[in-house]
Amino acid sequence: MKKTLPYMLVAAALSTAAASAHAEKWDMPLAYPANNFHTENAVDFAACVKEKTGGKLDIVTHPNGSLFAGNDIKRAVQTGQAAIGERVTSAHENENAIYGVEAIPFVATSFEASDKLWKTALPQMKKVLDSQNLVYIYSVPWPASGFYTKKEINTVDDLKGIKFRAYNAATARIAELAGMIPMQIEAAELSQALATGVVDSIMTSSTTGVDSKVWEQGISHFYNVQAWLPRNTVFVNKRAWNALDDATREAVTVCGDKTYNDGLAKVKTLSEQYLKTLTDNGVAVSAPSPELEAGLAKLGETMTAEWLQKSGADGQAIIDAYKAQ
C-alpha cells in the first residue's frame, strides 16, 4: 500500500493537470455596471456554464465597458478579440435592419408582446448573426423605454432643440423627427453627460435611469411612453463556438435558454421597482399627455414605414407573422 500511494498521487496530479490543460477561458465584455440586471444575468449564465461543464469552460465577465466599450463589443466578438459578448441589439440596425426589429416604436410595448415579436424574428436574427461570424446564445429585454427630461414636456414641439442621447438608429431618428439634437452616448458615460449638460434628455428604460441616478444629474421628469422594449443579446464568435465539443455547446445552449427565461421573469419583477425608485428620489413619473402621445404615435408610424422599407421582404414577413398571432 505504501508503494502504491505515490503512484496514486502522481496519477491524480496528472489527471488534474490534464483537465486543467483542456479548460477553456472566455472573456465576456459587458457594457453595463456590475449591479445592472443584465450584467447579473450574464454572471448567472457564466456560473451555469461553469457548473454544467465541470469547469471545462470558464466565462469571465467584464462589466461597465472595462474590457471593450459598448459600441466596440460586437466587433470585438466578430473578430475574435473576445469569444463572447453582450450588446443592445438595435444599436447595430445600421448594419442590418433586422437588428432593429424590437426598436420599432409602438409595435411591441409589453413584455408579452416583446417576447412574441422576438421569437417571431429569431430565425431571421440568427441568420444575420451567422453571416457576421456570430452565434446567438440568449436575449433579455429591458423595461419599456420612456422619456427622461429636465423640464416638463406636453407636446412633441416641446422637445425641439433639446440635446438628446441617441444609442441606436431608432433614437437618432426620433431626435431628427422631433427636432432634437442627437448625441451618441454609451451607458457608462451617461451620468457624466447629463451632469455636464452634454445631453438634457434621454429615451431609455427605468433601469438605466436608476443605474445612472438621473435625479442627481438634473432629470426631473420621466414620461412612461412605453415606446419599445430594447433587448440585450449575447452572442459567441463562430470559430470559438465551433472549437467546443458537442457536450460543451449543449451546456452553453441549455444555460442560454435558462438565462432567457430567468432574465425575463426578473425584469418583469424589477420594472415596477425601478419606477418606484425614480419616484422616491423626486423624479415625476407619469403617462404622457394625450397631445404628446399622439405626436409620438405619428413619429412611430413614420418610423415603422421606414423600417419596413429598409428591412424588405424579411422584415415584412416578421411583422406579418407577428400580427397574425
C-alpha atoms as a PDB file:
ATOM      1  CA  MET A   1       0.000   0.000   0.000  1.00  0.00           C
ATOM      2  CA  LYS A   2       2.871   2.345   0.853  1.00  0.00           C
ATOM      3  CA  LYS A   3       4.397   1.700  -2.579  1.00  0.00           C
ATOM      4  CA  THR A   4       1.032   2.184  -4.340  1.00  0.00           C
ATOM      5  CA  LEU A   5       0.200   5.540  -2.732  1.00  0.00           C
ATOM      6  CA  PRO A   6       2.857   7.623  -4.546  1.00  0.00           C
ATOM      7  CA  TYR A   7       1.678   6.227  -7.869  1.00  0.00           C
ATOM      8  CA  MET A   8      -1.925   7.140  -6.998  1.00  0.00           C
ATOM      9  CA  LEU A   9      -0.880  10.672  -6.091  1.00  0.00           C
ATOM     10  CA  VAL A  10       1.047  11.054  -9.339  1.00  0.00           C
ATOM     11  CA  ALA A  11      -1.903   9.737 -11.330  1.00  0.00           C
ATOM     12  CA  ALA A  12      -4.256  12.164  -9.583  1.00  0.00           C
ATOM     13  CA  ALA A  13      -1.909  15.061 -10.261  1.00  0.00           C
ATOM     14  CA  LEU A  14      -1.599  14.125 -13.926  1.00  0.00           C
ATOM     15  CA  SER A  15      -5.384  13.819 -14.190  1.00  0.00           C
ATOM     16  CA  THR A  16      -5.861  17.285 -12.663  1.00  0.00           C
ATOM     17  CA  ALA A  17      -3.236  18.757 -14.952  1.00  0.00           C
ATOM     18  CA  ALA A  18      -4.875  17.189 -17.985  1.00  0.00           C
ATOM     19  CA  ALA A  19      -8.276  18.577 -17.025  1.00  0.00           C
ATOM     20  CA  SER A  20      -6.746  21.999 -16.435  1.00  0.00           C
ATOM     21  CA  ALA A  21      -4.956  21.878 -19.773  1.00  0.00           C
ATOM     22  CA  HIS A  22      -8.255  21.294 -21.554  1.00  0.00           C
ATOM     23  CA  ALA A  23     -10.117  24.035 -19.653  1.00  0.00           C
ATOM     24  CA  GLU A  24     -11.167  26.954 -21.853  1.00  0.00           C
ATOM     25  CA  LYS A  25     -11.423  30.545 -20.618  1.00  0.00           C
ATOM     26  CA  TRP A  26     -13.658  33.058 -22.381  1.00  0.00           C
ATOM     27  CA  ASP A  27     -13.615  36.772 -21.567  1.00  0.00           C
ATOM     28  CA  MET A  28     -17.087  38.342 -21.800  1.00  0.00           C
ATOM     29  CA  PRO A  29     -17.185  42.141 -22.231  1.00  0.00           C
ATOM     30  CA  LEU A  30     -20.330  43.848 -20.909  1.00  0.00           C
ATOM     31  CA  ALA A  31     -21.329  47.484 -21.321  1.00  0.00           C
ATOM     32  CA  TYR A  32     -23.319  47.892 -18.100  1.00  0.00           C
ATOM     33  CA  PRO A  33     -22.385  48.216 -14.394  1.00  0.00           C
ATOM     34  CA  ALA A  34     -21.961  45.189 -12.149  1.00  0.00           C
ATOM     35  CA  ASN A  35     -25.267  45.924 -10.371  1.00  0.00           C
ATOM     36  CA  ASN A  36     -27.276  46.156 -13.609  1.00  0.00           C
ATOM     37  CA  PHE A  37     -29.659  43.227 -14.016  1.00  0.00           C
ATOM     38  CA  HIS A  38     -28.305  42.394 -17.487  1.00  0.00           C
ATOM     39  CA  THR A  39     -24.817  42.068 -16.012  1.00  0.00           C
ATOM     40  CA  GLU A  40     -26.208  39.953 -13.182  1.00  0.00           C
ATOM     41  CA  ASN A  41     -27.890  37.739 -15.793  1.00  0.00           C
ATOM     42  CA  ALA A  42     -24.548  37.308 -17.558  1.00  0.00           C
ATOM     43  CA  VAL A  43     -22.833  36.392 -14.279  1.00  0.00           C
ATOM     44  CA  ASP A  44     -25.542  33.782 -13.588  1.00  0.00           C
ATOM     45  CA  PHE A  45     -25.161  32.453 -17.135  1.00  0.00           C
ATOM     46  CA  ALA A  46     -21.383  32.133 -16.714  1.00  0.00           C
ATOM     47  CA  ALA A  47     -21.834  30.289 -13.407  1.00  0.00           C
ATOM     48  CA  CYS A  48     -24.331  27.924 -15.029  1.00  0.00           C
ATOM     49  CA  VAL A  49     -21.896  27.142 -17.859  1.00  0.00           C
ATOM     50  CA  LYS A  50     -19.027  26.518 -15.463  1.00  0.00           C
ATOM     51  CA  GLU A  51     -21.164  24.175 -13.377  1.00  0.00           C
ATOM     52  CA  LYS A  52     -22.640  22.234 -16.295  1.00  0.00           C
ATOM     53  CA  THR A  53     -19.260  21.797 -17.977  1.00  0.00           C
ATOM     54  CA  GLY A  54     -17.494  20.844 -14.766  1.00  0.00           C
ATOM     55  CA  GLY A  55     -15.192  23.828 -15.178  1.00  0.00           C
ATOM     56  CA  LYS A  56     -14.298  22.882 -18.743  1.00  0.00           C
ATOM     57  CA  LEU A  57     -15.488  26.311 -19.922  1.00  0.00           C
ATOM     58  CA  ASP A  58     -14.912  29.309 -17.665  1.00  0.00           C
ATOM     59  CA  ILE A  59     -16.588  32.553 -18.785  1.00  0.00           C
ATOM     60  CA  VAL A  60     -15.151  35.643 -17.066  1.00  0.00           C
ATOM     61  CA  THR A  61     -17.414  38.720 -17.137  1.00  0.00           C
ATOM     62  CA  HIS A  62     -16.029  42.264 -17.514  1.00  0.00           C
ATOM     63  CA  PRO A  63     -18.772  44.835 -16.675  1.00  0.00           C
ATOM     64  CA  ASN A  64     -19.123  48.565 -17.303  1.00  0.00           C
ATOM     65  CA  GLY A  65     -17.162  48.671 -20.554  1.00  0.00           C
ATOM     66  CA  SER A  66     -13.952  47.736 -18.731  1.00  0.00           C
ATOM     67  CA  LEU A  67     -12.707  45.381 -21.458  1.00  0.00           C
ATOM     68  CA  PHE A  68     -14.346  46.946 -24.527  1.00  0.00           C
ATOM     69  CA  ALA A  69     -16.629  49.979 -24.751  1.00  0.00           C
ATOM     70  CA  GLY A  70     -20.239  49.146 -25.531  1.00  0.00           C
ATOM     71  CA  ASN A  71     -20.066  50.158 -29.175  1.00  0.00           C
ATOM     72  CA  ASP A  72     -16.928  48.024 -29.676  1.00  0.00           C
ATOM     73  CA  ILE A  73     -18.192  44.781 -28.141  1.00  0.00           C
ATOM     74  CA  LYS A  74     -19.909  43.259 -31.166  1.00  0.00           C
ATOM     75  CA  ARG A  75     -16.935  43.957 -33.422  1.00  0.00           C
ATOM     76  CA  ALA A  76     -14.561  42.504 -30.824  1.00  0.00           C
ATOM     77  CA  VAL A  77     -16.512  39.241 -30.765  1.00  0.00           C
ATOM     78  CA  GLN A  78     -16.848  39.119 -34.562  1.00  0.00           C
ATOM     79  CA  THR A  79     -13.091  39.436 -34.985  1.00  0.00           C
ATOM     80  CA  GLY A  80     -12.209  37.026 -32.181  1.00  0.00           C
ATOM     81  CA  GLN A  81     -10.750  39.606 -29.796  1.00  0.00           C
ATOM     82  CA  ALA A  82     -13.342  38.287 -27.330  1.00  0.00           C
ATOM     83  CA  ALA A  83     -15.063  34.913 -27.556  1.00  0.00           C
ATOM     84  CA  ILE A  84     -18.428  36.067 -26.209  1.00  0.00           C
ATOM     85  CA  GLY A  85     -20.160  39.376 -25.519  1.00  0.00           C
ATOM     86  CA  GLU A  86     -23.435  41.192 -24.950  1.00  0.00           C
ATOM     87  CA  ARG A  87     -24.811  44.161 -26.827  1.00  0.00           C
ATOM     88  CA  VAL A  88     -28.004  46.196 -27.249  1.00  0.00           C
ATOM     89  CA  THR A  89     -29.202  44.535 -30.442  1.00  0.00           C
ATOM     90  CA  SER A  90     -30.784  47.609 -32.006  1.00  0.00           C
ATOM     91  CA  ALA A  91     -27.535  49.580 -31.705  1.00  0.00           C
ATOM     92  CA  HIS A  92     -26.452  47.759 -34.875  1.00  0.00           C
ATOM     93  CA  GLU A  93     -29.518  48.470 -37.004  1.00  0.00           C
ATOM     94  CA  ASN A  94     -27.310  50.483 -39.370  1.00  0.00           C
ATOM     95  CA  GLU A  95     -25.574  47.197 -40.290  1.00  0.00           C
ATOM     96  CA  ASN A  96     -28.790  45.279 -40.896  1.00  0.00           C
ATOM     97  CA  ALA A  97     -32.346  46.475 -40.326  1.00  0.00           C
ATOM     98  CA  ILE A  98     -33.293  43.165 -38.691  1.00  0.00           C
ATOM     99  CA  TYR A  99     -31.202  44.157 -35.656  1.00  0.00           C
ATOM    100  CA  GLY A 100     -33.702  46.961 -35.048  1.00  0.00           C
ATOM    101  CA  VAL A 101     -36.847  44.846 -35.061  1.00  0.00           C
ATOM    102  CA  GLU A 102     -37.537  45.283 -31.331  1.00  0.00           C
ATOM    103  CA  ALA A 103     -36.994  49.046 -31.546  1.00  0.00           C
ATOM    104  CA  ILE A 104     -39.810  49.787 -33.980  1.00  0.00           C
ATOM    105  CA  PRO A 105     -41.843  52.323 -31.984  1.00  0.00           C
ATOM    106  CA  PHE A 106     -45.167  51.192 -30.515  1.00  0.00           C
ATOM    107  CA  VAL A 107     -45.218  47.766 -32.237  1.00  0.00           C
ATOM    108  CA  ALA A 108     -44.433  45.671 -29.133  1.00  0.00           C
ATOM    109  CA  THR A 109     -44.943  47.667 -25.939  1.00  0.00           C
ATOM    110  CA  SER A 110     -45.351  44.967 -23.258  1.00  0.00           C
ATOM    111  CA  PHE A 111     -43.159  42.112 -22.064  1.00  0.00           C
ATOM    112  CA  GLU A 112     -45.539  39.582 -23.589  1.00  0.00           C
ATOM    113  CA  ALA A 113     -45.637  41.371 -26.951  1.00  0.00           C
ATOM    114  CA  SER A 114     -41.867  41.850 -26.938  1.00  0.00           C
ATOM    115  CA  ASP A 115     -41.309  38.147 -26.288  1.00  0.00           C
ATOM    116  CA  LYS A 116     -43.690  37.222 -29.097  1.00  0.00           C
ATOM    117  CA  LEU A 117     -42.033  39.602 -31.567  1.00  0.00           C
ATOM    118  CA  TRP A 118     -38.540  38.393 -30.650  1.00  0.00           C
ATOM    119  CA  LYS A 119     -39.425  34.717 -31.067  1.00  0.00           C
ATOM    120  CA  THR A 120     -41.021  35.510 -34.427  1.00  0.00           C
ATOM    121  CA  ALA A 121     -37.910  37.352 -35.590  1.00  0.00           C
ATOM    122  CA  LEU A 122     -35.366  34.934 -34.097  1.00  0.00           C
ATOM    123  CA  PRO A 123     -34.862  32.601 -37.098  1.00  0.00           C
ATOM    124  CA  GLN A 124     -34.013  35.589 -39.288  1.00  0.00           C
ATOM    125  CA  MET A 125     -31.953  37.170 -36.494  1.00  0.00           C
ATOM    126  CA  LYS A 126     -29.843  34.007 -36.226  1.00  0.00           C
ATOM    127  CA  LYS A 127     -29.184  34.099 -39.972  1.00  0.00           C
ATOM    128  CA  VAL A 128     -27.986  37.701 -39.784  1.00  0.00           C
ATOM    129  CA  LEU A 129     -25.726  36.939 -36.821  1.00  0.00           C
ATOM    130  CA  ASP A 130     -24.353  33.873 -38.594  1.00  0.00           C
ATOM    131  CA  SER A 131     -23.498  35.983 -41.647  1.00  0.00           C
ATOM    132  CA  GLN A 132     -21.366  38.151 -39.339  1.00  0.00           C
ATOM    133  CA  ASN A 133     -19.457  35.264 -37.750  1.00  0.00           C
ATOM    134  CA  LEU A 134     -21.658  35.186 -34.636  1.00  0.00           C
ATOM    135  CA  VAL A 135     -23.741  32.527 -32.893  1.00  0.00           C
ATOM    136  CA  TYR A 136     -26.862  33.530 -30.929  1.00  0.00           C
ATOM    137  CA  ILE A 137     -26.993  32.415 -27.274  1.00  0.00           C
ATOM    138  CA  TYR A 138     -29.771  34.352 -25.491  1.00  0.00           C
ATOM    139  CA  SER A 139     -31.546  37.709 -25.273  1.00  0.00           C
ATOM    140  CA  VAL A 140     -33.304  39.568 -22.439  1.00  0.00           C
ATOM    141  CA  PRO A 141     -35.409  42.756 -22.749  1.00  0.00           C
ATOM    142  CA  TRP A 142     -35.175  45.991 -20.833  1.00  0.00           C
ATOM    143  CA  PRO A 143     -38.296  47.553 -19.321  1.00  0.00           C
ATOM    144  CA  ALA A 144     -40.200  49.692 -21.815  1.00  0.00           C
ATOM    145  CA  SER A 145     -38.487  52.908 -22.858  1.00  0.00           C
ATOM    146  CA  GLY A 146     -39.708  56.329 -21.789  1.00  0.00           C
ATOM    147  CA  PHE A 147     -38.584  59.957 -21.967  1.00  0.00           C
ATOM    148  CA  TYR A 148     -36.407  61.461 -19.236  1.00  0.00           C
ATOM    149  CA  THR A 149     -36.251  65.258 -19.316  1.00  0.00           C
ATOM    150  CA  LYS A 150     -35.020  68.193 -17.254  1.00  0.00           C
ATOM    151  CA  LYS A 151     -38.276  70.085 -17.827  1.00  0.00           C
ATOM    152  CA  GLU A 152     -41.977  69.442 -18.307  1.00  0.00           C
ATOM    153  CA  ILE A 153     -42.930  68.168 -21.779  1.00  0.00           C
ATOM    154  CA  ASN A 154     -46.524  68.293 -23.015  1.00  0.00           C
ATOM    155  CA  THR A 155     -46.200  68.069 -26.807  1.00  0.00           C
ATOM    156  CA  VAL A 156     -43.637  66.922 -29.364  1.00  0.00           C
ATOM    157  CA  ASP A 157     -42.963  70.604 -30.109  1.00  0.00           C
ATOM    158  CA  ASP A 158     -41.635  70.974 -26.541  1.00  0.00           C
ATOM    159  CA  LEU A 159     -38.792  68.620 -27.488  1.00  0.00           C
ATOM    160  CA  LYS A 160     -37.345  70.880 -30.180  1.00  0.00           C
ATOM    161  CA  GLY A 161     -33.741  71.918 -29.609  1.00  0.00           C
ATOM    162  CA  ILE A 162     -33.170  69.559 -26.671  1.00  0.00           C
ATOM    163  CA  LYS A 163     -29.826  67.723 -26.626  1.00  0.00           C
ATOM    164  CA  PHE A 164     -30.888  64.084 -26.674  1.00  0.00           C
ATOM    165  CA  ARG A 165     -28.944  60.873 -26.099  1.00  0.00           C
ATOM    166  CA  ALA A 166     -29.145  58.556 -29.124  1.00  0.00           C
ATOM    167  CA  TYR A 167     -27.892  54.986 -28.653  1.00  0.00           C
ATOM    168  CA  ASN A 168     -29.341  53.342 -31.768  1.00  0.00           C
ATOM    169  CA  ALA A 169     -30.818  54.229 -35.153  1.00  0.00           C
ATOM    170  CA  ALA A 170     -34.336  54.467 -33.730  1.00  0.00           C
ATOM    171  CA  THR A 171     -33.476  57.027 -31.047  1.00  0.00           C
ATOM    172  CA  ALA A 172     -31.412  59.022 -33.543  1.00  0.00           C
ATOM    173  CA  ARG A 173     -34.366  59.093 -35.941  1.00  0.00           C
ATOM    174  CA  ILE A 174     -36.797  60.119 -33.180  1.00  0.00           C
ATOM    175  CA  ALA A 175     -34.460  63.001 -32.364  1.00  0.00           C
ATOM    176  CA  GLU A 176     -34.379  64.060 -36.003  1.00  0.00           C
ATOM    177  CA  LEU A 177     -38.153  63.863 -36.486  1.00  0.00           C
ATOM    178  CA  ALA A 178     -38.847  65.738 -33.223  1.00  0.00           C
ATOM    179  CA  GLY A 179     -36.266  68.452 -33.875  1.00  0.00           C
ATOM    180  CA  MET A 180     -33.934  67.379 -31.067  1.00  0.00           C
ATOM    181  CA  ILE A 181     -30.129  67.284 -31.254  1.00  0.00           C
ATOM    182  CA  PRO A 182     -28.910  63.638 -31.158  1.00  0.00           C
ATOM    183  CA  MET A 183     -25.761  62.833 -29.162  1.00  0.00           C
ATOM    184  CA  GLN A 184     -24.265  59.319 -29.136  1.00  0.00           C
ATOM    185  CA  ILE A 185     -23.537  58.421 -25.509  1.00  0.00           C
ATOM    186  CA  GLU A 186     -22.789  54.956 -24.089  1.00  0.00           C
ATOM    187  CA  ALA A 187     -24.415  53.885 -20.812  1.00  0.00           C
ATOM    188  CA  ALA A 188     -21.128  54.025 -18.900  1.00  0.00           C
ATOM    189  CA  GLU A 189     -20.772  57.718 -19.845  1.00  0.00           C
ATOM    190  CA  LEU A 190     -24.393  58.722 -19.295  1.00  0.00           C
ATOM    191  CA  SER A 191     -24.197  60.166 -15.773  1.00  0.00           C
ATOM    192  CA  GLN A 192     -21.342  62.470 -16.717  1.00  0.00           C
ATOM    193  CA  ALA A 193     -23.057  63.510 -19.945  1.00  0.00           C
ATOM    194  CA  LEU A 194     -26.204  64.510 -18.034  1.00  0.00           C
ATOM    195  CA  ALA A 195     -24.279  66.250 -15.261  1.00  0.00           C
ATOM    196  CA  THR A 196     -22.199  68.331 -17.674  1.00  0.00           C
ATOM    197  CA  GLY A 197     -25.099  69.230 -19.971  1.00  0.00           C
ATOM    198  CA  VAL A 198     -23.833  67.237 -22.945  1.00  0.00           C
ATOM    199  CA  VAL A 199     -27.376  65.829 -23.027  1.00  0.00           C
ATOM    200  CA  ASP A 200     -30.579  67.107 -21.413  1.00  0.00           C
ATOM    201  CA  SER A 201     -32.906  64.252 -22.289  1.00  0.00           C
ATOM    202  CA  ILE A 202     -32.730  60.506 -22.795  1.00  0.00           C
ATOM    203  CA  MET A 203     -35.133  57.853 -24.002  1.00  0.00           C
ATOM    204  CA  THR A 204     -34.410  54.662 -22.162  1.00  0.00           C
ATOM    205  CA  SER A 205     -35.715  52.253 -19.567  1.00  0.00           C
ATOM    206  CA  SER A 206     -36.404  52.858 -15.903  1.00  0.00           C
ATOM    207  CA  THR A 207     -33.420  50.569 -15.250  1.00  0.00           C
ATOM    208  CA  THR A 208     -30.887  52.878 -16.868  1.00  0.00           C
ATOM    209  CA  GLY A 209     -32.402  55.852 -15.077  1.00  0.00           C
ATOM    210  CA  VAL A 210     -31.874  54.162 -11.720  1.00  0.00           C
ATOM    211  CA  ASP A 211     -28.392  52.861 -12.631  1.00  0.00           C
ATOM    212  CA  SER A 212     -27.348  56.384 -13.636  1.00  0.00           C
ATOM    213  CA  LYS A 213     -29.078  58.062 -10.665  1.00  0.00           C
ATOM    214  CA  VAL A 214     -30.578  60.582 -13.064  1.00  0.00           C
ATOM    215  CA  TRP A 215     -32.137  62.547 -10.194  1.00  0.00           C
ATOM    216  CA  GLU A 216     -28.602  63.611  -9.247  1.00  0.00           C
ATOM    217  CA  GLN A 217     -27.988  64.889 -12.789  1.00  0.00           C
ATOM    218  CA  GLY A 218     -30.918  67.310 -13.093  1.00  0.00           C
ATOM    219  CA  ILE A 219     -33.548  64.964 -14.528  1.00  0.00           C
ATOM    220  CA  SER A 220     -36.943  65.918 -13.123  1.00  0.00           C
ATOM    221  CA  HIS A 221     -39.483  64.037 -15.283  1.00  0.00           C
ATOM    222  CA  PHE A 222     -39.966  60.517 -16.654  1.00  0.00           C
ATOM    223  CA  TYR A 223     -42.749  60.086 -19.211  1.00  0.00           C
ATOM    224  CA  ASN A 224     -43.612  56.400 -19.424  1.00  0.00           C
ATOM    225  CA  VAL A 225     -44.464  56.381 -23.131  1.00  0.00           C
ATOM    226  CA  GLN A 226     -43.624  52.644 -23.482  1.00  0.00           C
ATOM    227  CA  ALA A 227     -42.216  53.150 -26.960  1.00  0.00           C
ATOM    228  CA  TRP A 228     -40.483  49.770 -27.192  1.00  0.00           C
ATOM    229  CA  LEU A 229     -38.589  47.218 -25.130  1.00  0.00           C
ATOM    230  CA  PRO A 230     -34.963  47.178 -26.291  1.00  0.00           C
ATOM    231  CA  ARG A 231     -33.095  43.910 -25.893  1.00  0.00           C
ATOM    232  CA  ASN A 232     -29.572  42.889 -24.970  1.00  0.00           C
ATOM    233  CA  THR A 233     -28.335  39.890 -26.927  1.00  0.00           C
ATOM    234  CA  VAL A 234     -25.459  37.563 -26.072  1.00  0.00           C
ATOM    235  CA  PHE A 235     -23.513  36.040 -28.949  1.00  0.00           C
ATOM    236  CA  VAL A 236     -20.370  33.956 -29.436  1.00  0.00           C
ATOM    237  CA  ASN A 237     -17.625  34.123 -32.039  1.00  0.00           C
ATOM    238  CA  LYS A 238     -18.392  31.339 -34.533  1.00  0.00           C
ATOM    239  CA  ARG A 239     -14.843  29.977 -34.572  1.00  0.00           C
ATOM    240  CA  ALA A 240     -14.768  29.806 -30.765  1.00  0.00           C
ATOM    241  CA  TRP A 241     -18.165  28.095 -30.820  1.00  0.00           C
ATOM    242  CA  ASN A 242     -17.088  25.504 -33.380  1.00  0.00           C
ATOM    243  CA  ALA A 243     -13.973  24.735 -31.319  1.00  0.00           C
ATOM    244  CA  LEU A 244     -16.145  23.490 -28.438  1.00  0.00           C
ATOM    245  CA  ASP A 245     -17.121  19.842 -28.228  1.00  0.00           C
ATOM    246  CA  ASP A 246     -20.779  18.853 -28.564  1.00  0.00           C
ATOM    247  CA  ALA A 247     -21.344  18.430 -24.831  1.00  0.00           C
ATOM    248  CA  THR A 248     -19.979  21.892 -24.046  1.00  0.00           C
ATOM    249  CA  ARG A 249     -22.061  23.518 -26.789  1.00  0.00           C
ATOM    250  CA  GLU A 250     -25.130  21.779 -25.395  1.00  0.00           C
ATOM    251  CA  ALA A 251     -24.337  23.079 -21.903  1.00  0.00           C
ATOM    252  CA  VAL A 252     -23.964  26.652 -23.197  1.00  0.00           C
ATOM    253  CA  THR A 253     -27.260  26.343 -25.096  1.00  0.00           C
ATOM    254  CA  VAL A 254     -29.102  24.996 -22.046  1.00  0.00           C
ATOM    255  CA  CYS A 255     -27.703  27.781 -19.859  1.00  0.00           C
ATOM    256  CA  GLY A 256     -28.609  30.352 -22.510  1.00  0.00           C
ATOM    257  CA  ASP A 257     -32.212  29.137 -22.598  1.00  0.00           C
ATOM    258  CA  LYS A 258     -32.341  29.222 -18.807  1.00  0.00           C
ATOM    259  CA  THR A 259     -30.980  32.782 -18.703  1.00  0.00           C
ATOM    260  CA  TYR A 260     -33.528  33.861 -21.329  1.00  0.00           C
ATOM    261  CA  ASN A 261     -36.407  32.656 -19.150  1.00  0.00           C
ATOM    262  CA  ASP A 262     -34.933  33.695 -15.798  1.00  0.00           C
ATOM    263  CA  GLY A 263     -33.966  37.110 -17.172  1.00  0.00           C
ATOM    264  CA  LEU A 264     -37.468  37.756 -18.486  1.00  0.00           C
ATOM    265  CA  ALA A 265     -39.030  36.818 -15.141  1.00  0.00           C
ATOM    266  CA  LYS A 266     -36.530  39.021 -13.316  1.00  0.00           C
ATOM    267  CA  VAL A 267     -37.068  42.139 -15.426  1.00  0.00           C
ATOM    268  CA  LYS A 268     -40.844  41.864 -15.045  1.00  0.00           C
ATOM    269  CA  THR A 269     -40.406  41.997 -11.273  1.00  0.00           C
ATOM    270  CA  LEU A 270     -37.812  44.755 -11.350  1.00  0.00           C
ATOM    271  CA  SER A 271     -39.707  47.048 -13.714  1.00  0.00           C
ATOM    272  CA  GLU A 272     -42.167  48.342 -11.114  1.00  0.00           C
ATOM    273  CA  GLN A 273     -39.416  48.589  -8.502  1.00  0.00           C
ATOM    274  CA  TYR A 274     -37.373  50.862 -10.767  1.00  0.00           C
ATOM    275  CA  LEU A 275     -40.332  53.202 -11.317  1.00  0.00           C
ATOM    276  CA  LYS A 276     -40.839  53.401  -7.549  1.00  0.00           C
ATOM    277  CA  THR A 277     -37.133  54.182  -7.039  1.00  0.00           C
ATOM    278  CA  LEU A 278     -37.391  57.061  -9.510  1.00  0.00           C
ATOM    279  CA  THR A 279     -40.451  58.427  -7.693  1.00  0.00           C
ATOM    280  CA  ASP A 280     -38.832  58.003  -4.270  1.00  0.00           C
ATOM    281  CA  ASN A 281     -35.905  60.106  -5.476  1.00  0.00           C
ATOM    282  CA  GLY A 282     -38.029  63.000  -6.688  1.00  0.00           C
ATOM    283  CA  VAL A 283     -38.484  62.187 -10.375  1.00  0.00           C
ATOM    284  CA  ALA A 284     -42.051  62.874 -11.521  1.00  0.00           C
ATOM    285  CA  VAL A 285     -43.188  59.618 -13.178  1.00  0.00           C
ATOM    286  CA  SER A 286     -46.283  59.947 -15.357  1.00  0.00           C
ATOM    287  CA  ALA A 287     -48.005  58.832 -18.520  1.00  0.00           C
ATOM    288  CA  PRO A 288     -47.581  61.203 -21.482  1.00  0.00           C
ATOM    289  CA  SER A 289     -50.219  63.833 -22.125  1.00  0.00           C
ATOM    290  CA  PRO A 290     -52.710  62.936 -24.897  1.00  0.00           C
ATOM    291  CA  GLU A 291     -51.021  65.537 -27.134  1.00  0.00           C
ATOM    292  CA  LEU A 292     -47.539  64.096 -26.557  1.00  0.00           C
ATOM    293  CA  GLU A 293     -48.800  60.548 -27.019  1.00  0.00           C
ATOM    294  CA  ALA A 294     -50.499  61.444 -30.310  1.00  0.00           C
ATOM    295  CA  GLY A 295     -47.413  63.252 -31.580  1.00  0.00           C
ATOM    296  CA  LEU A 296     -45.130  60.343 -30.731  1.00  0.00           C
ATOM    297  CA  ALA A 297     -47.561  57.902 -32.352  1.00  0.00           C
ATOM    298  CA  LYS A 298     -47.231  59.837 -35.627  1.00  0.00           C
ATOM    299  CA  LEU A 299     -43.457  59.602 -35.381  1.00  0.00           C
ATOM    300  CA  GLY A 300     -43.858  55.880 -34.763  1.00  0.00           C
ATOM    301  CA  GLU A 301     -45.955  55.420 -37.907  1.00  0.00           C
ATOM    302  CA  THR A 302     -43.281  57.161 -39.968  1.00  0.00           C
ATOM    303  CA  MET A 303     -40.510  55.057 -38.450  1.00  0.00           C
ATOM    304  CA  THR A 304     -42.391  51.776 -38.900  1.00  0.00           C
ATOM    305  CA  ALA A 305     -42.840  52.504 -42.601  1.00  0.00           C
ATOM    306  CA  GLU A 306     -39.157  53.404 -42.885  1.00  0.00           C
ATOM    307  CA  TRP A 307     -38.067  50.216 -41.115  1.00  0.00           C
ATOM    308  CA  LEU A 308     -40.210  48.049 -43.367  1.00  0.00           C
ATOM    309  CA  GLN A 309     -38.695  49.744 -46.396  1.00  0.00           C
ATOM    310  CA  LYS A 310     -35.151  49.094 -45.110  1.00  0.00           C
ATOM    311  CA  SER A 311     -35.778  45.512 -43.999  1.00  0.00           C
ATOM    312  CA  GLY A 312     -37.560  44.486 -47.197  1.00  0.00           C
ATOM    313  CA  ALA A 313     -39.359  41.175 -47.554  1.00  0.00           C
ATOM    314  CA  ASP A 314     -37.677  39.671 -44.477  1.00  0.00           C
ATOM    315  CA  GLY A 315     -38.911  42.477 -42.238  1.00  0.00           C
ATOM    316  CA  GLN A 316     -42.404  42.436 -43.713  1.00  0.00           C
ATOM    317  CA  ALA A 317     -42.606  38.672 -43.160  1.00  0.00           C
ATOM    318  CA  ILE A 318     -41.673  39.114 -39.489  1.00  0.00           C
ATOM    319  CA  ILE A 319     -44.280  41.829 -38.880  1.00  0.00           C
ATOM    320  CA  ASP A 320     -46.987  39.933 -40.786  1.00  0.00           C
ATOM    321  CA  ALA A 321     -46.310  36.738 -38.814  1.00  0.00           C
ATOM    322  CA  TYR A 322     -46.231  38.677 -35.536  1.00  0.00           C
ATOM    323  CA  LYS A 323     -49.547  40.403 -36.197  1.00  0.00           C
ATOM    324  CA  ALA A 324     -51.150  37.123 -37.286  1.00  0.00           C
ATOM    325  CA  GLN A 325     -50.536  35.504 -33.885  1.00  0.00           C
END
